[in-house]
Amino acid sequence: MDRKMANRKLIRLSQLKNKLATENLEEIDWVTFGVIVRKVTPQSANNGKTFSIWRLNDLRDLNECVSLFLFGEVHREHWKTDQGMV
């Protein structure tokens, strides 16, 4: 993990909204981690393709969640991931 994180900045999910407002994250090599705290049953888009929505949290501030939409190959590969996984 130390090797993977070398020269990267950790931004907690609960800090993400503030960091997006105050920093240009496109110029920073950053990473975040989240726990799936809620999963919505896979949905169908207007084009008939299926997607998933996960609510992620860093367990530091349970009021600050990020919604992650999974489409295409990512949805097909990960939609069965259990709630509670990191």
C-alpha atoms as a PDB file:
ATOM      1  CA  MET A   1       0.000   0.000   0.000  1.00  0.00           C
ATOM      2  CA  ASP A   2       2.873   2.378   0.771  1.00  0.00           C
ATOM      3  CA  ARG A   3       4.201   1.869  -2.758  1.00  0.00           C
ATOM      4  CA  LYS A   4       0.777   2.491  -4.337  1.00  0.00           C
ATOM      5  CA  MET A   5       0.244   5.634  -2.251  1.00  0.00           C
ATOM      6  CA  ALA A   6       3.699   7.128  -2.882  1.00  0.00           C
ATOM      7  CA  ASN A   7       3.370  10.728  -4.112  1.00  0.00           C
ATOM      8  CA  ARG A   8      -0.428  10.618  -3.879  1.00  0.00           C
ATOM      9  CA  LYS A   9      -2.629  12.704  -1.631  1.00  0.00           C
ATOM     10  CA  LEU A  10      -5.317  10.979   0.438  1.00  0.00           C
ATOM     11  CA  ILE A  11      -8.592  12.868   0.434  1.00  0.00           C
ATOM     12  CA  ARG A  12     -11.295  11.461   2.680  1.00  0.00           C
ATOM     13  CA  LEU A  13     -14.752  11.192   1.153  1.00  0.00           C
ATOM     14  CA  SER A  14     -16.098  13.421   3.919  1.00  0.00           C
ATOM     15  CA  GLN A  15     -13.599  16.115   2.786  1.00  0.00           C
ATOM     16  CA  LEU A  16     -14.232  15.746  -0.941  1.00  0.00           C
ATOM     17  CA  LYS A  17     -16.924  18.423  -1.313  1.00  0.00           C
ATOM     18  CA  ASN A  18     -14.770  21.008   0.457  1.00  0.00           C
ATOM     19  CA  LYS A  19     -11.639  20.012  -1.485  1.00  0.00           C
ATOM     20  CA  LEU A  20     -13.485  20.285  -4.809  1.00  0.00           C
ATOM     21  CA  ALA A  21     -14.505  23.827  -3.889  1.00  0.00           C
ATOM     22  CA  THR A  22     -11.072  24.967  -2.723  1.00  0.00           C
ATOM     23  CA  GLU A  23      -8.498  23.018  -4.761  1.00  0.00           C
ATOM     24  CA  ASN A  24      -7.959  22.098  -8.399  1.00  0.00           C
ATOM     25  CA  LEU A  25      -7.953  18.317  -7.969  1.00  0.00           C
ATOM     26  CA  GLU A  26      -7.260  17.793 -11.660  1.00  0.00           C
ATOM     27  CA  GLU A  27      -3.698  18.918 -11.002  1.00  0.00           C
ATOM     28  CA  ILE A  28      -3.171  16.618  -7.993  1.00  0.00           C
ATOM     29  CA  ASP A  29      -2.597  12.859  -7.969  1.00  0.00           C
ATOM     30  CA  TRP A  30      -5.120  11.957  -5.290  1.00  0.00           C
ATOM     31  CA  VAL A  31      -6.949   8.898  -4.019  1.00  0.00           C
ATOM     32  CA  THR A  32      -9.916   8.228  -1.787  1.00  0.00           C
ATOM     33  CA  PHE A  33     -11.424   5.205  -0.077  1.00  0.00           C
ATOM     34  CA  GLY A  34     -15.042   4.490   0.686  1.00  0.00           C
ATOM     35  CA  VAL A  35     -17.298   1.876   2.194  1.00  0.00           C
ATOM     36  CA  ILE A  36     -20.496   0.910   0.394  1.00  0.00           C
ATOM     37  CA  VAL A  37     -23.123   1.960   2.937  1.00  0.00           C
ATOM     38  CA  ARG A  38     -26.130   1.585   0.625  1.00  0.00           C
ATOM     39  CA  LYS A  39     -26.828  -0.010  -2.713  1.00  0.00           C
ATOM     40  CA  VAL A  40     -29.826   0.710  -4.896  1.00  0.00           C
ATOM     41  CA  THR A  41     -31.269  -2.207  -6.857  1.00  0.00           C
ATOM     42  CA  PRO A  42     -29.820  -2.030 -10.401  1.00  0.00           C
ATOM     43  CA  GLN A  43     -31.818   0.369 -12.573  1.00  0.00           C
ATOM     44  CA  SER A  44     -32.533   0.549 -16.298  1.00  0.00           C
ATOM     45  CA  ALA A  45     -31.630   3.727 -18.151  1.00  0.00           C
ATOM     46  CA  ASN A  46     -33.824   5.177 -20.909  1.00  0.00           C
ATOM     47  CA  ASN A  47     -31.607   3.423 -23.450  1.00  0.00           C
ATOM     48  CA  GLY A  48     -32.343   0.050 -21.810  1.00  0.00           C
ATOM     49  CA  LYS A  49     -28.887  -0.414 -20.335  1.00  0.00           C
ATOM     50  CA  THR A  50     -28.578  -1.368 -16.675  1.00  0.00           C
ATOM     51  CA  PHE A  51     -26.606   0.610 -14.098  1.00  0.00           C
ATOM     52  CA  SER A  52     -26.053   0.609 -10.344  1.00  0.00           C
ATOM     53  CA  ILE A  53     -25.895   3.343  -7.726  1.00  0.00           C
ATOM     54  CA  TRP A  54     -23.788   2.985  -4.603  1.00  0.00           C
ATOM     55  CA  ARG A  55     -23.704   5.356  -1.634  1.00  0.00           C
ATOM     56  CA  LEU A  56     -20.146   5.556  -0.278  1.00  0.00           C
ATOM     57  CA  ASN A  57     -18.917   6.902   3.049  1.00  0.00           C
ATOM     58  CA  ASP A  58     -15.555   7.034   4.848  1.00  0.00           C
ATOM     59  CA  LEU A  59     -17.184   6.216   8.229  1.00  0.00           C
ATOM     60  CA  ARG A  60     -15.847   9.457   9.665  1.00  0.00           C
ATOM     61  CA  ASP A  61     -18.956  11.564   9.010  1.00  0.00           C
ATOM     62  CA  LEU A  62     -22.012   9.437   8.239  1.00  0.00           C
ATOM     63  CA  ASN A  63     -23.888  12.495   6.949  1.00  0.00           C
ATOM     64  CA  GLU A  64     -21.398  12.986   4.099  1.00  0.00           C
ATOM     65  CA  CYS A  65     -21.925  10.383   1.392  1.00  0.00           C
ATOM     66  CA  VAL A  66     -20.941  10.243  -2.252  1.00  0.00           C
ATOM     67  CA  SER A  67     -23.154   8.610  -4.872  1.00  0.00           C
ATOM     68  CA  LEU A  68     -21.252   6.473  -7.351  1.00  0.00           C
ATOM     69  CA  PHE A  69     -22.975   5.474 -10.601  1.00  0.00           C
ATOM     70  CA  LEU A  70     -21.671   2.301 -12.264  1.00  0.00           C
ATOM     71  CA  PHE A  71     -22.282   1.863 -15.990  1.00  0.00           C
ATOM     72  CA  GLY A  72     -21.246  -0.555 -18.705  1.00  0.00           C
ATOM     73  CA  GLU A  73     -18.434  -3.000 -17.981  1.00  0.00           C
ATOM     74  CA  VAL A  74     -17.876  -1.566 -14.490  1.00  0.00           C
ATOM     75  CA  HIS A  75     -21.522  -2.268 -13.625  1.00  0.00           C
ATOM     76  CA  ARG A  76     -21.373  -5.800 -15.064  1.00  0.00           C
ATOM     77  CA  GLU A  77     -18.164  -6.575 -13.193  1.00  0.00           C
ATOM     78  CA  HIS A  78     -19.045  -5.088  -9.797  1.00  0.00           C
ATOM     79  CA  TRP A  79     -22.843  -4.898  -9.304  1.00  0.00           C
ATOM     80  CA  LYS A  80     -22.827  -7.937  -6.988  1.00  0.00           C
ATOM     81  CA  THR A  81     -20.311  -6.349  -4.584  1.00  0.00           C
ATOM     82  CA  ASP A  82     -21.750  -6.536  -1.080  1.00  0.00           C
ATOM     83  CA  GLN A  83     -22.763  -3.588   1.022  1.00  0.00           C
ATOM     84  CA  GLY A  84     -20.072  -2.961   3.634  1.00  0.00           C
ATOM     85  CA  MET A  85     -17.190  -3.609   1.241  1.00  0.00           C
ATOM     86  CA  VAL A  86     -14.389  -1.065   0.817  1.00  0.00           C
END
